[in-house]
Amino acid sequence: MTDVDGLNDTQVVEILKTAKTFALIGASANPLRPSYGVMEFLIASGYQVHPVNPGHAGQMIQGRTVYATLADVPSPVDVVDVFRNSDAAAAVVIDVIALKEPLSIKVVWMQVGVINEQAAQHARDAGITVVMDRCPKIEAARLRKSDI
């Protein structure tokens, strides 16, 4: 199956299998928010997760220190997971491109409902893989891969 981002299931599985560290942009301390549940899933799945939210910088979410900006996150970051609206995704992608080398970023992952074709193309042009309109928690369950 190929989705809006042009990736097939094999490519998504490969991202989930090889990634070790996620920076979660728009992390929330509210257990009712989707970002909280996805962060919980990622941690439980063995990923290192760095929450990013300027409103919670220096605080803890799920035992992880919250960073104000992506630039504050320690390297390496394999995947930048975007929990912002589609318009705000453009600014996140600009940061991702600027920090690609220092943070070793390989993938920008835009969550379900986050679609920004122009930002996605900029990221691809910079050599960054783009996952768009998907959730790693949902994809892992859908693909039912025990080795993810």
N, C-alpha and C. Protein backbone atom coordinates (compact mmCIF):
# COMPACT_ATOMS: atom_id res chain seq x y z
N MET A 1 0.84 -1.19 0.00
CA MET A 1 0.00 0.00 0.00
C MET A 1 0.88 1.25 0.00
N THR A 2 0.62 2.18 -0.88
CA THR A 2 1.31 3.46 -0.92
C THR A 2 0.33 4.53 -0.45
N ASP A 3 0.80 5.43 0.38
CA ASP A 3 -0.07 6.44 0.97
C ASP A 3 0.21 7.82 0.38
N VAL A 4 -0.38 8.85 0.97
CA VAL A 4 -0.24 10.23 0.49
C VAL A 4 1.23 10.66 0.41
N ASP A 5 2.07 10.07 1.24
CA ASP A 5 3.48 10.44 1.25
C ASP A 5 4.31 9.69 0.21
N GLY A 6 3.68 8.74 -0.50
CA GLY A 6 4.39 8.00 -1.52
C GLY A 6 5.20 6.82 -1.00
N LEU A 7 5.15 6.58 0.31
CA LEU A 7 5.89 5.47 0.88
C LEU A 7 5.04 4.21 0.90
N ASN A 8 5.69 3.08 0.71
CA ASN A 8 4.97 1.81 0.81
C ASN A 8 5.21 1.21 2.20
N ASP A 9 4.50 0.14 2.49
CA ASP A 9 4.59 -0.49 3.81
C ASP A 9 6.02 -0.91 4.16
N THR A 10 6.74 -1.43 3.20
CA THR A 10 8.11 -1.87 3.45
C THR A 10 8.98 -0.70 3.90
N GLN A 11 8.80 0.44 3.27
CA GLN A 11 9.58 1.62 3.66
C GLN A 11 9.23 2.10 5.06
N VAL A 12 7.95 2.08 5.41
CA VAL A 12 7.52 2.49 6.75
C VAL A 12 8.06 1.52 7.80
N VAL A 13 7.98 0.23 7.52
CA VAL A 13 8.54 -0.77 8.43
C VAL A 13 10.02 -0.52 8.64
N GLU A 14 10.74 -0.24 7.56
CA GLU A 14 12.19 0.00 7.66
C GLU A 14 12.48 1.21 8.56
N ILE A 15 11.70 2.27 8.43
CA ILE A 15 11.88 3.45 9.29
C ILE A 15 11.67 3.05 10.75
N LEU A 16 10.58 2.35 11.02
CA LEU A 16 10.28 1.97 12.40
C LEU A 16 11.29 0.97 12.98
N LYS A 17 11.87 0.14 12.13
CA LYS A 17 12.86 -0.84 12.60
C LYS A 17 14.22 -0.22 12.84
N THR A 18 14.60 0.77 12.03
CA THR A 18 15.95 1.31 12.13
C THR A 18 16.05 2.53 13.03
N ALA A 19 14.97 3.25 13.22
CA ALA A 19 15.00 4.44 14.07
C ALA A 19 15.23 4.05 15.52
N LYS A 20 16.00 4.86 16.20
CA LYS A 20 16.24 4.64 17.63
C LYS A 20 15.75 5.83 18.46
N THR A 21 15.78 7.03 17.86
CA THR A 21 15.47 8.24 18.61
C THR A 21 14.47 9.11 17.86
N PHE A 22 13.43 9.54 18.57
CA PHE A 22 12.42 10.45 18.05
C PHE A 22 12.48 11.76 18.82
N ALA A 23 12.35 12.87 18.10
CA ALA A 23 12.06 14.17 18.72
C ALA A 23 10.58 14.41 18.43
N LEU A 24 9.78 14.62 19.48
CA LEU A 24 8.35 14.75 19.32
C LEU A 24 7.95 16.22 19.47
N ILE A 25 7.71 16.87 18.33
CA ILE A 25 7.37 18.29 18.30
C ILE A 25 5.89 18.47 18.63
N GLY A 26 5.62 19.25 19.67
CA GLY A 26 4.23 19.44 20.10
C GLY A 26 3.82 18.44 21.16
N ALA A 27 4.80 17.94 21.90
CA ALA A 27 4.52 16.99 22.98
C ALA A 27 3.61 17.64 24.02
N SER A 28 2.73 16.84 24.61
CA SER A 28 1.80 17.34 25.61
C SER A 28 1.91 16.53 26.89
N ALA A 29 1.74 17.22 28.02
CA ALA A 29 1.71 16.56 29.32
C ALA A 29 0.31 16.05 29.65
N ASN A 30 -0.66 16.34 28.79
CA ASN A 30 -2.04 15.94 29.01
C ASN A 30 -2.26 14.51 28.49
N PRO A 31 -2.55 13.56 29.37
CA PRO A 31 -2.73 12.17 28.94
C PRO A 31 -3.88 11.97 27.94
N LEU A 32 -4.75 12.96 27.79
CA LEU A 32 -5.86 12.84 26.85
C LEU A 32 -5.47 13.26 25.42
N ARG A 33 -4.30 13.87 25.27
CA ARG A 33 -3.86 14.33 23.95
C ARG A 33 -3.20 13.18 23.17
N PRO A 34 -3.42 13.14 21.86
CA PRO A 34 -2.80 12.08 21.05
C PRO A 34 -1.27 12.03 21.17
N SER A 35 -0.62 13.18 21.27
CA SER A 35 0.85 13.17 21.36
C SER A 35 1.33 12.44 22.61
N TYR A 36 0.57 12.52 23.68
CA TYR A 36 0.92 11.82 24.92
C TYR A 36 0.88 10.31 24.69
N GLY A 37 -0.19 9.84 24.07
CA GLY A 37 -0.33 8.41 23.81
C GLY A 37 0.72 7.88 22.86
N VAL A 38 1.05 8.66 21.84
CA VAL A 38 2.08 8.22 20.90
C VAL A 38 3.44 8.20 21.60
N MET A 39 3.72 9.21 22.41
CA MET A 39 4.98 9.23 23.15
C MET A 39 5.06 8.01 24.07
N GLU A 40 3.98 7.70 24.74
CA GLU A 40 3.93 6.53 25.62
C GLU A 40 4.22 5.25 24.83
N PHE A 41 3.60 5.12 23.66
CA PHE A 41 3.83 3.96 22.80
C PHE A 41 5.30 3.88 22.37
N LEU A 42 5.86 5.00 21.93
CA LEU A 42 7.25 5.00 21.45
C LEU A 42 8.21 4.59 22.57
N ILE A 43 8.00 5.14 23.76
CA ILE A 43 8.87 4.78 24.90
C ILE A 43 8.72 3.29 25.21
N ALA A 44 7.49 2.80 25.27
CA ALA A 44 7.24 1.39 25.57
C ALA A 44 7.82 0.48 24.49
N SER A 45 7.96 1.00 23.28
CA SER A 45 8.51 0.22 22.17
C SER A 45 10.03 0.25 22.12
N GLY A 46 10.64 0.97 23.07
CA GLY A 46 12.10 0.98 23.17
C GLY A 46 12.80 2.15 22.50
N TYR A 47 12.03 3.09 21.97
CA TYR A 47 12.66 4.27 21.35
C TYR A 47 13.06 5.28 22.42
N GLN A 48 14.11 6.02 22.16
CA GLN A 48 14.46 7.19 22.96
C GLN A 48 13.58 8.32 22.43
N VAL A 49 12.91 9.05 23.31
CA VAL A 49 12.00 10.11 22.88
C VAL A 49 12.36 11.40 23.58
N HIS A 50 12.52 12.46 22.78
CA HIS A 50 12.79 13.80 23.31
C HIS A 50 11.58 14.67 23.01
N PRO A 51 10.77 14.99 24.04
CA PRO A 51 9.63 15.88 23.81
C PRO A 51 10.08 17.32 23.59
N VAL A 52 9.41 18.00 22.65
CA VAL A 52 9.72 19.40 22.34
C VAL A 52 8.43 20.21 22.45
N ASN A 53 8.43 21.19 23.35
CA ASN A 53 7.30 22.07 23.53
C ASN A 53 7.77 23.28 24.33
N PRO A 54 7.84 24.46 23.71
CA PRO A 54 8.37 25.63 24.43
C PRO A 54 7.59 25.98 25.69
N GLY A 55 6.31 25.66 25.73
CA GLY A 55 5.49 25.95 26.90
C GLY A 55 5.78 25.07 28.09
N HIS A 56 6.47 23.96 27.86
CA HIS A 56 6.79 23.02 28.94
C HIS A 56 8.30 22.81 29.09
N ALA A 57 9.11 23.65 28.44
CA ALA A 57 10.57 23.48 28.45
C ALA A 57 11.10 23.38 29.87
N GLY A 58 11.98 22.41 30.08
CA GLY A 58 12.59 22.20 31.38
C GLY A 58 11.76 21.32 32.30
N GLN A 59 10.52 21.08 31.96
CA GLN A 59 9.67 20.20 32.76
C GLN A 59 9.86 18.76 32.28
N MET A 60 9.12 17.86 32.88
CA MET A 60 9.21 16.45 32.51
C MET A 60 7.86 15.99 31.97
N ILE A 61 7.89 15.21 30.91
CA ILE A 61 6.71 14.52 30.40
C ILE A 61 7.10 13.05 30.30
N GLN A 62 6.38 12.22 31.00
CA GLN A 62 6.64 10.78 31.00
C GLN A 62 8.09 10.47 31.32
N GLY A 63 8.65 11.21 32.26
CA GLY A 63 10.01 10.96 32.71
C GLY A 63 11.08 11.47 31.76
N ARG A 64 10.69 12.24 30.75
CA ARG A 64 11.63 12.78 29.78
C ARG A 64 11.67 14.30 29.88
N THR A 65 12.85 14.88 29.84
CA THR A 65 13.00 16.34 29.87
C THR A 65 12.44 16.94 28.60
N VAL A 66 11.67 18.00 28.75
CA VAL A 66 11.08 18.69 27.60
C VAL A 66 12.03 19.79 27.14
N TYR A 67 12.25 19.86 25.84
CA TYR A 67 13.10 20.87 25.23
C TYR A 67 12.24 21.96 24.60
N ALA A 68 12.77 23.19 24.60
CA ALA A 68 12.03 24.33 24.05
C ALA A 68 11.97 24.27 22.53
N THR A 69 13.07 23.87 21.91
CA THR A 69 13.15 23.84 20.45
C THR A 69 13.88 22.58 19.99
N LEU A 70 13.72 22.26 18.74
CA LEU A 70 14.44 21.13 18.16
C LEU A 70 15.95 21.34 18.28
N ALA A 71 16.41 22.56 18.16
CA ALA A 71 17.84 22.85 18.25
C ALA A 71 18.41 22.50 19.63
N ASP A 72 17.57 22.44 20.64
CA ASP A 72 18.01 22.12 22.00
C ASP A 72 18.14 20.62 22.26
N VAL A 73 17.60 19.80 21.38
CA VAL A 73 17.58 18.35 21.56
C VAL A 73 18.97 17.79 21.30
N PRO A 74 19.42 16.84 22.16
CA PRO A 74 20.73 16.24 21.91
C PRO A 74 20.73 15.33 20.68
N SER A 75 21.86 15.27 20.02
CA SER A 75 22.04 14.42 18.84
C SER A 75 22.33 13.00 19.30
N PRO A 76 21.98 12.00 18.53
CA PRO A 76 21.31 12.05 17.23
C PRO A 76 19.79 11.96 17.38
N VAL A 77 19.11 12.40 16.34
CA VAL A 77 17.66 12.27 16.23
C VAL A 77 17.38 11.63 14.88
N ASP A 78 16.82 10.44 14.90
CA ASP A 78 16.53 9.75 13.65
C ASP A 78 15.26 10.27 13.00
N VAL A 79 14.22 10.51 13.83
CA VAL A 79 12.91 10.90 13.33
C VAL A 79 12.40 12.11 14.10
N VAL A 80 11.93 13.12 13.37
CA VAL A 80 11.24 14.25 13.98
C VAL A 80 9.76 14.04 13.73
N ASP A 81 9.00 13.79 14.79
CA ASP A 81 7.57 13.49 14.73
C ASP A 81 6.81 14.79 15.01
N VAL A 82 5.98 15.20 14.04
CA VAL A 82 5.35 16.52 14.08
C VAL A 82 3.88 16.43 14.52
N PHE A 83 3.61 16.93 15.72
CA PHE A 83 2.25 17.06 16.24
C PHE A 83 1.87 18.53 16.23
N ARG A 84 1.90 19.13 15.06
CA ARG A 84 1.50 20.52 14.86
C ARG A 84 0.56 20.51 13.67
N ASN A 85 -0.15 21.61 13.44
CA ASN A 85 -1.07 21.63 12.31
C ASN A 85 -0.30 21.71 10.99
N SER A 86 -1.01 21.51 9.91
CA SER A 86 -0.37 21.45 8.59
C SER A 86 0.40 22.71 8.24
N ASP A 87 -0.15 23.88 8.58
CA ASP A 87 0.56 25.14 8.30
C ASP A 87 1.84 25.25 9.12
N ALA A 88 1.78 24.87 10.39
CA ALA A 88 2.94 24.96 11.27
C ALA A 88 4.03 23.96 10.88
N ALA A 89 3.66 22.92 10.15
CA ALA A 89 4.64 21.92 9.73
C ALA A 89 5.74 22.53 8.86
N ALA A 90 5.41 23.59 8.13
CA ALA A 90 6.41 24.23 7.27
C ALA A 90 7.58 24.77 8.10
N ALA A 91 7.27 25.44 9.20
CA ALA A 91 8.34 25.98 10.06
C ALA A 91 9.15 24.86 10.69
N VAL A 92 8.49 23.77 11.05
CA VAL A 92 9.21 22.63 11.62
C VAL A 92 10.17 22.05 10.59
N VAL A 93 9.71 21.93 9.35
CA VAL A 93 10.57 21.39 8.30
C VAL A 93 11.77 22.30 8.05
N ILE A 94 11.59 23.59 8.12
CA ILE A 94 12.73 24.52 7.98
C ILE A 94 13.77 24.22 9.05
N ASP A 95 13.30 24.03 10.30
CA ASP A 95 14.22 23.68 11.39
C ASP A 95 14.88 22.33 11.14
N VAL A 96 14.11 21.35 10.68
CA VAL A 96 14.64 20.02 10.41
C VAL A 96 15.76 20.10 9.37
N ILE A 97 15.52 20.83 8.31
CA ILE A 97 16.54 20.96 7.26
C ILE A 97 17.80 21.63 7.81
N ALA A 98 17.62 22.69 8.59
CA ALA A 98 18.77 23.41 9.16
C ALA A 98 19.56 22.53 10.13
N LEU A 99 18.87 21.61 10.81
CA LEU A 99 19.51 20.78 11.83
C LEU A 99 19.79 19.36 11.37
N LYS A 100 19.56 19.10 10.09
CA LYS A 100 19.74 17.75 9.54
C LYS A 100 21.12 17.19 9.88
N GLU A 101 22.16 17.94 9.58
CA GLU A 101 23.52 17.45 9.82
C GLU A 101 23.87 17.41 11.30
N PRO A 102 23.70 18.52 12.05
CA PRO A 102 24.10 18.45 13.46
C PRO A 102 23.34 17.42 14.29
N LEU A 103 22.09 17.15 13.94
CA LEU A 103 21.30 16.18 14.71
C LEU A 103 21.18 14.81 14.01
N SER A 104 21.76 14.70 12.83
CA SER A 104 21.70 13.44 12.06
C SER A 104 20.27 13.01 11.75
N ILE A 105 19.40 13.97 11.43
CA ILE A 105 17.98 13.70 11.16
C ILE A 105 17.85 13.02 9.80
N LYS A 106 17.08 11.93 9.80
CA LYS A 106 16.85 11.17 8.58
C LYS A 106 15.41 11.27 8.08
N VAL A 107 14.46 11.45 9.03
CA VAL A 107 13.04 11.37 8.69
C VAL A 107 12.28 12.48 9.40
N VAL A 108 11.36 13.12 8.66
CA VAL A 108 10.35 13.97 9.29
C VAL A 108 9.03 13.23 9.13
N TRP A 109 8.35 13.05 10.26
CA TRP A 109 7.10 12.27 10.29
C TRP A 109 5.97 13.20 10.68
N MET A 110 5.07 13.49 9.73
CA MET A 110 3.92 14.35 10.00
C MET A 110 2.74 13.46 10.39
N GLN A 111 2.15 13.75 11.52
CA GLN A 111 1.09 12.92 12.09
C GLN A 111 -0.18 12.91 11.24
N VAL A 112 -1.10 12.05 11.61
CA VAL A 112 -2.39 11.93 10.93
C VAL A 112 -3.04 13.31 10.86
N GLY A 113 -3.47 13.69 9.65
CA GLY A 113 -4.10 14.99 9.44
C GLY A 113 -3.13 16.11 9.14
N VAL A 114 -1.84 15.86 9.30
CA VAL A 114 -0.82 16.88 9.01
C VAL A 114 -0.30 16.61 7.60
N ILE A 115 -0.74 17.46 6.68
CA ILE A 115 -0.36 17.33 5.28
C ILE A 115 0.10 18.69 4.78
N ASN A 116 1.35 18.76 4.37
CA ASN A 116 1.88 19.98 3.79
C ASN A 116 2.83 19.57 2.67
N GLU A 117 2.28 19.52 1.46
CA GLU A 117 3.04 19.04 0.31
C GLU A 117 4.29 19.89 0.03
N GLN A 118 4.17 21.21 0.17
CA GLN A 118 5.31 22.08 -0.09
C GLN A 118 6.44 21.82 0.92
N ALA A 119 6.08 21.72 2.19
CA ALA A 119 7.09 21.43 3.22
C ALA A 119 7.70 20.05 2.98
N ALA A 120 6.87 19.09 2.63
CA ALA A 120 7.36 17.74 2.36
C ALA A 120 8.37 17.75 1.22
N GLN A 121 8.07 18.50 0.16
CA GLN A 121 8.99 18.55 -0.99
C GLN A 121 10.31 19.21 -0.61
N HIS A 122 10.25 20.25 0.22
CA HIS A 122 11.49 20.90 0.70
C HIS A 122 12.34 19.89 1.47
N ALA A 123 11.70 19.11 2.32
CA ALA A 123 12.43 18.11 3.09
C ALA A 123 13.04 17.06 2.17
N ARG A 124 12.26 16.57 1.23
CA ARG A 124 12.78 15.57 0.28
C ARG A 124 13.96 16.14 -0.51
N ASP A 125 13.83 17.39 -0.95
CA ASP A 125 14.92 18.03 -1.70
C ASP A 125 16.20 18.11 -0.88
N ALA A 126 16.05 18.15 0.46
CA ALA A 126 17.20 18.19 1.36
C ALA A 126 17.69 16.79 1.73
N GLY A 127 17.08 15.76 1.14
CA GLY A 127 17.52 14.39 1.39
C GLY A 127 16.91 13.77 2.64
N ILE A 128 15.80 14.31 3.09
CA ILE A 128 15.12 13.80 4.27
C ILE A 128 13.88 13.02 3.83
N THR A 129 13.72 11.84 4.37
CA THR A 129 12.53 11.04 4.08
C THR A 129 11.33 11.67 4.77
N VAL A 130 10.20 11.69 4.09
CA VAL A 130 8.98 12.28 4.64
C VAL A 130 7.90 11.23 4.77
N VAL A 131 7.39 11.11 6.00
CA VAL A 131 6.20 10.32 6.27
C VAL A 131 5.12 11.35 6.57
N MET A 132 3.96 11.22 5.93
CA MET A 132 2.95 12.27 6.06
C MET A 132 1.57 11.65 6.23
N ASP A 133 0.78 12.28 7.12
CA ASP A 133 -0.60 11.85 7.39
C ASP A 133 -0.63 10.42 7.94
N ARG A 134 0.32 10.13 8.82
CA ARG A 134 0.40 8.80 9.44
C ARG A 134 0.84 8.96 10.90
N CYS A 135 0.62 7.91 11.67
CA CYS A 135 1.02 7.86 13.07
C CYS A 135 1.85 6.61 13.29
N PRO A 136 3.02 6.71 13.94
CA PRO A 136 3.83 5.51 14.14
C PRO A 136 3.13 4.44 14.96
N LYS A 137 2.32 4.86 15.93
CA LYS A 137 1.58 3.89 16.75
C LYS A 137 0.56 3.13 15.90
N ILE A 138 -0.16 3.86 15.07
CA ILE A 138 -1.16 3.24 14.19
C ILE A 138 -0.48 2.37 13.13
N GLU A 139 0.61 2.88 12.57
CA GLU A 139 1.31 2.11 11.53
C GLU A 139 1.88 0.82 12.08
N ALA A 140 2.46 0.86 13.27
CA ALA A 140 3.02 -0.35 13.86
C ALA A 140 1.92 -1.39 14.09
N ALA A 141 0.77 -0.94 14.57
CA ALA A 141 -0.35 -1.87 14.80
C ALA A 141 -0.89 -2.39 13.47
N ARG A 142 -1.01 -1.50 12.50
CA ARG A 142 -1.56 -1.90 11.20
C ARG A 142 -0.65 -2.91 10.51
N LEU A 143 0.63 -2.67 10.59
CA LEU A 143 1.58 -3.54 9.91
C LEU A 143 1.83 -4.83 10.69
N ARG A 144 1.44 -4.82 11.96
CA ARG A 144 1.54 -6.00 12.82
C ARG A 144 2.91 -6.68 12.71
N LYS A 145 3.92 -5.90 12.82
CA LYS A 145 5.28 -6.43 12.76
C LYS A 145 5.83 -6.56 14.17
N SER A 146 6.04 -7.77 14.60
CA SER A 146 6.53 -7.98 15.96
C SER A 146 7.97 -7.51 16.13
N ASP A 147 8.68 -7.34 15.02
CA ASP A 147 10.08 -6.93 15.11
C ASP A 147 10.28 -5.43 14.95
N ILE A 148 9.20 -4.66 14.99
CA ILE A 148 9.32 -3.20 14.92
C ILE A 148 9.66 -2.70 16.31
